[in-house]
Amino acid sequence: MEDLLCKIRDCRVCEDHLPMGPNPIIEATKNSKIVIISQAPGRIVHETGIAWNDQSGKKLREWLGVDDETFYDTENFAILPMGFCYPGKAKTGDLPPRKECAPMWHEEVWKELEDTRLKIVIGSYATNYYLPGRSNLTEKVNNYQDYLPEFWPLPHPSPVNRFWRSKNPWFEENVVPELQKKIRKILA
């Protein structure tokens, strides 16, 4: 696994398309129990090199019901973005993740993981890739049970999505407590 992570972190395939240059963000061990599949690192994560080290990460850890120490323990959580590098700024939020990363690297990462018990799929880019179909992200999140025991779809925890959360209070009222129970069971 460590050799593969080094190869991914050295990747320069998209170098000419990245406004801040490449800085692939990925974290895992062969024993990671939960894999977080998200879209791409943001600017702050790019600058610090620490996955989910921003407001989105703070909200995600709140949803998961874990502290920083638990979250950043790679035996607990692997971080596998759809795009490993910061793609740049869009009108609202960031640009979509680069399309090269997931097809190039994800299958190799899955081959190295030996103890994955849950794949948390965050946002529309990741859910459309891993959970294709006609339903939209809201329907996938609302019907998360349909994807268990392998996957658990979530909206992106970005502050940009605060309107989605206010329009869908059932998510934090009903889904988040069930997710936290599942996480506690896996990490116990």
C-alpha atoms as a PDB file:
ATOM      1  CA  MET A   1       0.000   0.000   0.000  1.00  0.00           C
ATOM      2  CA  GLU A   2       2.760   2.461   0.881  1.00  0.00           C
ATOM      3  CA  ASP A   3       4.371   2.078  -2.563  1.00  0.00           C
ATOM      4  CA  LEU A   4       1.032   2.765  -4.247  1.00  0.00           C
ATOM      5  CA  LEU A   5       0.408   5.848  -2.096  1.00  0.00           C
ATOM      6  CA  CYS A   6       3.857   7.160  -3.041  1.00  0.00           C
ATOM      7  CA  LYS A   7       3.087   6.625  -6.744  1.00  0.00           C
ATOM      8  CA  ILE A   8      -0.212   8.489  -6.411  1.00  0.00           C
ATOM      9  CA  ARG A   9       1.382  11.338  -4.450  1.00  0.00           C
ATOM     10  CA  ASP A  10       4.023  11.651  -7.199  1.00  0.00           C
ATOM     11  CA  CYS A  11       1.400  11.746  -9.995  1.00  0.00           C
ATOM     12  CA  ARG A  12       1.706  14.691 -12.384  1.00  0.00           C
ATOM     13  CA  VAL A  13      -0.791  13.645 -15.091  1.00  0.00           C
ATOM     14  CA  CYS A  14      -2.986  16.758 -14.682  1.00  0.00           C
ATOM     15  CA  GLU A  15      -0.179  19.199 -13.871  1.00  0.00           C
ATOM     16  CA  ASP A  16      -0.980  21.551 -16.772  1.00  0.00           C
ATOM     17  CA  HIS A  17      -4.641  21.798 -15.715  1.00  0.00           C
ATOM     18  CA  LEU A  18      -4.199  22.581 -12.023  1.00  0.00           C
ATOM     19  CA  PRO A  19      -4.039  26.281 -11.041  1.00  0.00           C
ATOM     20  CA  MET A  20      -1.965  25.596  -7.919  1.00  0.00           C
ATOM     21  CA  GLY A  21      -0.043  22.626  -9.316  1.00  0.00           C
ATOM     22  CA  PRO A  22      -0.303  19.013  -8.219  1.00  0.00           C
ATOM     23  CA  ASN A  23      -0.471  17.970  -4.580  1.00  0.00           C
ATOM     24  CA  PRO A  24      -2.303  14.623  -4.548  1.00  0.00           C
ATOM     25  CA  ILE A  25      -4.131  14.020  -1.268  1.00  0.00           C
ATOM     26  CA  ILE A  26      -4.809  10.402  -0.291  1.00  0.00           C
ATOM     27  CA  GLU A  27      -4.611   8.545   3.025  1.00  0.00           C
ATOM     28  CA  ALA A  28      -4.985   4.822   3.662  1.00  0.00           C
ATOM     29  CA  THR A  29      -3.546   1.687   5.138  1.00  0.00           C
ATOM     30  CA  LYS A  30      -4.347  -1.831   4.024  1.00  0.00           C
ATOM     31  CA  ASN A  31      -6.419  -2.124   7.237  1.00  0.00           C
ATOM     32  CA  SER A  32      -8.536   1.043   6.873  1.00  0.00           C
ATOM     33  CA  LYS A  33     -12.038   0.116   8.047  1.00  0.00           C
ATOM     34  CA  ILE A  34     -13.979   2.986   6.454  1.00  0.00           C
ATOM     35  CA  VAL A  35     -13.173   4.600   3.111  1.00  0.00           C
ATOM     36  CA  ILE A  36     -14.306   8.163   2.501  1.00  0.00           C
ATOM     37  CA  ILE A  37     -14.820   8.717  -1.222  1.00  0.00           C
ATOM     38  CA  SER A  38     -15.253  12.423  -1.878  1.00  0.00           C
ATOM     39  CA  GLN A  39     -14.862  14.874  -4.742  1.00  0.00           C
ATOM     40  CA  ALA A  40     -11.483  16.668  -4.492  1.00  0.00           C
ATOM     41  CA  PRO A  41      -9.452  18.581  -1.945  1.00  0.00           C
ATOM     42  CA  GLY A  42     -10.187  22.271  -1.519  1.00  0.00           C
ATOM     43  CA  ARG A  43      -7.677  25.117  -1.515  1.00  0.00           C
ATOM     44  CA  ILE A  44      -6.971  24.935   2.243  1.00  0.00           C
ATOM     45  CA  VAL A  45      -6.407  21.179   2.060  1.00  0.00           C
ATOM     46  CA  HIS A  46      -4.105  21.706  -0.931  1.00  0.00           C
ATOM     47  CA  GLU A  47      -2.087  24.269   1.008  1.00  0.00           C
ATOM     48  CA  THR A  48      -1.828  22.237   4.231  1.00  0.00           C
ATOM     49  CA  GLY A  49      -1.647  18.758   2.695  1.00  0.00           C
ATOM     50  CA  ILE A  50      -4.087  17.520   5.346  1.00  0.00           C
ATOM     51  CA  ALA A  51      -7.303  15.922   4.073  1.00  0.00           C
ATOM     52  CA  TRP A  52     -10.573  17.471   5.248  1.00  0.00           C
ATOM     53  CA  ASN A  53      -8.654  20.183   7.133  1.00  0.00           C
ATOM     54  CA  ASP A  54     -11.332  22.821   6.526  1.00  0.00           C
ATOM     55  CA  GLN A  55     -14.937  23.704   7.378  1.00  0.00           C
ATOM     56  CA  SER A  56     -16.220  20.806   5.257  1.00  0.00           C
ATOM     57  CA  GLY A  57     -14.061  18.423   7.270  1.00  0.00           C
ATOM     58  CA  LYS A  58     -15.274  19.851  10.545  1.00  0.00           C
ATOM     59  CA  LYS A  59     -18.898  19.263   9.476  1.00  0.00           C
ATOM     60  CA  LEU A  60     -18.062  15.762   8.174  1.00  0.00           C
ATOM     61  CA  ARG A  61     -16.471  14.741  11.492  1.00  0.00           C
ATOM     62  CA  GLU A  62     -19.566  16.106  13.264  1.00  0.00           C
ATOM     63  CA  TRP A  63     -21.813  13.964  11.035  1.00  0.00           C
ATOM     64  CA  LEU A  64     -19.620  10.909  11.633  1.00  0.00           C
ATOM     65  CA  GLY A  65     -19.561  11.546  15.382  1.00  0.00           C
ATOM     66  CA  VAL A  66     -15.762  11.294  15.620  1.00  0.00           C
ATOM     67  CA  ASP A  67     -12.995  13.538  16.881  1.00  0.00           C
ATOM     68  CA  ASP A  68      -9.907  14.572  14.903  1.00  0.00           C
ATOM     69  CA  GLU A  69      -7.713  11.856  16.410  1.00  0.00           C
ATOM     70  CA  THR A  70     -10.151   9.100  15.425  1.00  0.00           C
ATOM     71  CA  PHE A  71     -10.752  10.572  11.965  1.00  0.00           C
ATOM     72  CA  TYR A  72      -7.081  10.991  11.079  1.00  0.00           C
ATOM     73  CA  ASP A  73      -6.166   7.475  12.223  1.00  0.00           C
ATOM     74  CA  THR A  74      -5.790   5.711   8.849  1.00  0.00           C
ATOM     75  CA  GLU A  75      -6.589   2.365  10.478  1.00  0.00           C
ATOM     76  CA  ASN A  76     -10.076   3.863  10.929  1.00  0.00           C
ATOM     77  CA  PHE A  77     -10.567   6.080   7.860  1.00  0.00           C
ATOM     78  CA  ALA A  78      -9.015   6.072   4.400  1.00  0.00           C
ATOM     79  CA  ILE A  79      -9.399   9.174   2.231  1.00  0.00           C
ATOM     80  CA  LEU A  80      -9.963   8.414  -1.455  1.00  0.00           C
ATOM     81  CA  PRO A  81     -11.052  11.471  -3.473  1.00  0.00           C
ATOM     82  CA  MET A  82     -12.424  11.287  -6.999  1.00  0.00           C
ATOM     83  CA  GLY A  83      -9.752  13.853  -7.896  1.00  0.00           C
ATOM     84  CA  PHE A  84      -6.614  13.865  -5.749  1.00  0.00           C
ATOM     85  CA  CYS A  85      -5.626  17.502  -6.390  1.00  0.00           C
ATOM     86  CA  TYR A  86      -7.323  20.863  -5.911  1.00  0.00           C
ATOM     87  CA  PRO A  87      -9.027  21.557  -9.272  1.00  0.00           C
ATOM     88  CA  GLY A  88      -9.416  25.327  -8.877  1.00  0.00           C
ATOM     89  CA  LYS A  89     -12.182  27.766  -8.084  1.00  0.00           C
ATOM     90  CA  ALA A  90     -15.560  27.890  -9.818  1.00  0.00           C
ATOM     91  CA  LYS A  91     -18.260  30.572  -9.624  1.00  0.00           C
ATOM     92  CA  THR A  92     -19.688  28.883  -6.515  1.00  0.00           C
ATOM     93  CA  GLY A  93     -17.395  26.449  -4.752  1.00  0.00           C
ATOM     94  CA  ASP A  94     -14.624  24.569  -6.527  1.00  0.00           C
ATOM     95  CA  LEU A  95     -14.350  23.161 -10.032  1.00  0.00           C
ATOM     96  CA  PRO A  96     -15.299  19.502 -10.519  1.00  0.00           C
ATOM     97  CA  PRO A  97     -12.625  16.911  -9.704  1.00  0.00           C
ATOM     98  CA  ARG A  98     -10.313  15.980 -12.554  1.00  0.00           C
ATOM     99  CA  LYS A  99     -11.728  12.968 -14.430  1.00  0.00           C
ATOM    100  CA  GLU A 100      -8.394  11.194 -14.778  1.00  0.00           C
ATOM    101  CA  CYS A 101      -7.815  10.215 -11.139  1.00  0.00           C
ATOM    102  CA  ALA A 102     -10.560   7.735 -10.265  1.00  0.00           C
ATOM    103  CA  PRO A 103     -10.210   5.523 -13.375  1.00  0.00           C
ATOM    104  CA  MET A 104      -6.427   5.654 -13.106  1.00  0.00           C
ATOM    105  CA  TRP A 105      -5.991   4.903  -9.400  1.00  0.00           C
ATOM    106  CA  HIS A 106      -9.105   3.762  -7.530  1.00  0.00           C
ATOM    107  CA  GLU A 107      -9.050   0.121  -8.649  1.00  0.00           C
ATOM    108  CA  GLU A 108      -5.416  -0.189  -7.570  1.00  0.00           C
ATOM    109  CA  VAL A 109      -6.277   1.222  -4.141  1.00  0.00           C
ATOM    110  CA  TRP A 110      -9.226  -1.181  -3.717  1.00  0.00           C
ATOM    111  CA  LYS A 111      -6.915  -4.124  -4.443  1.00  0.00           C
ATOM    112  CA  GLU A 112      -4.683  -3.078  -1.530  1.00  0.00           C
ATOM    113  CA  LEU A 113      -7.457  -2.594   1.033  1.00  0.00           C
ATOM    114  CA  GLU A 114      -8.027  -5.741   3.103  1.00  0.00           C
ATOM    115  CA  ASP A 115     -10.493  -4.774   5.848  1.00  0.00           C
ATOM    116  CA  THR A 116     -12.937  -2.229   4.421  1.00  0.00           C
ATOM    117  CA  ARG A 117     -16.301  -2.428   6.156  1.00  0.00           C
ATOM    118  CA  LEU A 118     -17.981   0.694   4.765  1.00  0.00           C
ATOM    119  CA  LYS A 119     -17.527   3.074   1.836  1.00  0.00           C
ATOM    120  CA  ILE A 120     -18.903   6.549   2.526  1.00  0.00           C
ATOM    121  CA  VAL A 121     -19.630   8.187  -0.824  1.00  0.00           C
ATOM    122  CA  ILE A 122     -19.816  11.973  -0.555  1.00  0.00           C
ATOM    123  CA  GLY A 123     -21.388  14.348  -3.058  1.00  0.00           C
ATOM    124  CA  SER A 124     -22.739  13.960  -6.568  1.00  0.00           C
ATOM    125  CA  TYR A 125     -19.431  13.251  -8.338  1.00  0.00           C
ATOM    126  CA  ALA A 126     -18.630  10.290  -6.095  1.00  0.00           C
ATOM    127  CA  THR A 127     -22.195   8.962  -5.896  1.00  0.00           C
ATOM    128  CA  ASN A 128     -22.670   9.172  -9.670  1.00  0.00           C
ATOM    129  CA  TYR A 129     -19.421   7.236 -10.173  1.00  0.00           C
ATOM    130  CA  TYR A 130     -19.991   4.555  -7.514  1.00  0.00           C
ATOM    131  CA  LEU A 131     -23.798   4.481  -7.356  1.00  0.00           C
ATOM    132  CA  PRO A 132     -24.919   5.205 -10.925  1.00  0.00           C
ATOM    133  CA  GLY A 133     -28.573   5.277 -11.773  1.00  0.00           C
ATOM    134  CA  ARG A 134     -31.473   7.576 -12.338  1.00  0.00           C
ATOM    135  CA  SER A 135     -31.906   8.843  -8.791  1.00  0.00           C
ATOM    136  CA  ASN A 136     -30.332  12.126  -7.760  1.00  0.00           C
ATOM    137  CA  LEU A 137     -28.111  12.707  -4.738  1.00  0.00           C
ATOM    138  CA  THR A 138     -31.005  13.639  -2.441  1.00  0.00           C
ATOM    139  CA  GLU A 139     -32.838  10.416  -3.282  1.00  0.00           C
ATOM    140  CA  LYS A 140     -29.666   8.367  -2.782  1.00  0.00           C
ATOM    141  CA  VAL A 141     -29.034   9.965   0.617  1.00  0.00           C
ATOM    142  CA  ASN A 142     -32.676   9.527   1.657  1.00  0.00           C
ATOM    143  CA  ASN A 143     -32.583   5.870   0.591  1.00  0.00           C
ATOM    144  CA  TYR A 144     -29.132   5.110   1.998  1.00  0.00           C
ATOM    145  CA  GLN A 145     -30.343   1.718   3.299  1.00  0.00           C
ATOM    146  CA  ASP A 146     -30.607   0.542  -0.323  1.00  0.00           C
ATOM    147  CA  TYR A 147     -26.812   0.771  -0.652  1.00  0.00           C
ATOM    148  CA  LEU A 148     -25.862  -0.921   2.614  1.00  0.00           C
ATOM    149  CA  PRO A 149     -23.871  -2.769   3.760  1.00  0.00           C
ATOM    150  CA  GLU A 150     -21.207  -1.634   1.250  1.00  0.00           C
ATOM    151  CA  PHE A 151     -21.968   2.049   0.609  1.00  0.00           C
ATOM    152  CA  TRP A 152     -23.420   5.011   2.499  1.00  0.00           C
ATOM    153  CA  PRO A 153     -24.152   8.082   0.327  1.00  0.00           C
ATOM    154  CA  LEU A 154     -23.889  11.559   1.871  1.00  0.00           C
ATOM    155  CA  PRO A 155     -24.265  15.117   0.620  1.00  0.00           C
ATOM    156  CA  HIS A 156     -21.089  17.178   0.564  1.00  0.00           C
ATOM    157  CA  PRO A 157     -20.585  18.837   3.970  1.00  0.00           C
ATOM    158  CA  SER A 158     -19.403  22.095   2.370  1.00  0.00           C
ATOM    159  CA  PRO A 159     -20.782  25.366   3.753  1.00  0.00           C
ATOM    160  CA  VAL A 160     -21.991  25.970   0.163  1.00  0.00           C
ATOM    161  CA  ASN A 161     -24.505  23.145   0.754  1.00  0.00           C
ATOM    162  CA  ARG A 162     -26.127  24.784   3.783  1.00  0.00           C
ATOM    163  CA  PHE A 163     -29.238  25.480   1.680  1.00  0.00           C
ATOM    164  CA  TRP A 164     -29.565  21.770   0.833  1.00  0.00           C
ATOM    165  CA  ARG A 165     -29.353  20.956   4.528  1.00  0.00           C
ATOM    166  CA  SER A 166     -31.982  23.563   5.428  1.00  0.00           C
ATOM    167  CA  LYS A 167     -34.333  22.196   2.724  1.00  0.00           C
ATOM    168  CA  ASN A 168     -33.760  18.605   3.882  1.00  0.00           C
ATOM    169  CA  PRO A 169     -33.863  18.650   7.708  1.00  0.00           C
ATOM    170  CA  TRP A 170     -34.610  14.893   7.707  1.00  0.00           C
ATOM    171  CA  PHE A 171     -30.942  14.308   6.858  1.00  0.00           C
ATOM    172  CA  GLU A 172     -29.460  15.619  10.117  1.00  0.00           C
ATOM    173  CA  GLU A 173     -32.497  14.536  12.154  1.00  0.00           C
ATOM    174  CA  ASN A 174     -32.742  10.935  10.897  1.00  0.00           C
ATOM    175  CA  VAL A 175     -29.812   9.886   8.724  1.00  0.00           C
ATOM    176  CA  VAL A 176     -26.899  11.341  10.715  1.00  0.00           C
ATOM    177  CA  PRO A 177     -27.817   9.523  13.971  1.00  0.00           C
ATOM    178  CA  GLU A 178     -28.003   6.215  12.055  1.00  0.00           C
ATOM    179  CA  LEU A 179     -24.652   6.933  10.406  1.00  0.00           C
ATOM    180  CA  GLN A 180     -23.089   7.658  13.795  1.00  0.00           C
ATOM    181  CA  LYS A 181     -24.412   4.341  15.150  1.00  0.00           C
ATOM    182  CA  LYS A 182     -22.892   2.514  12.199  1.00  0.00           C
ATOM    183  CA  ILE A 183     -19.533   4.279  12.637  1.00  0.00           C
ATOM    184  CA  ARG A 184     -19.454   3.486  16.374  1.00  0.00           C
ATOM    185  CA  LYS A 185     -20.177  -0.191  15.650  1.00  0.00           C
ATOM    186  CA  ILE A 186     -17.410  -0.434  13.035  1.00  0.00           C
ATOM    187  CA  LEU A 187     -14.814   1.347  15.184  1.00  0.00           C
ATOM    188  CA  ALA A 188     -15.700  -0.462  18.441  1.00  0.00           C
END
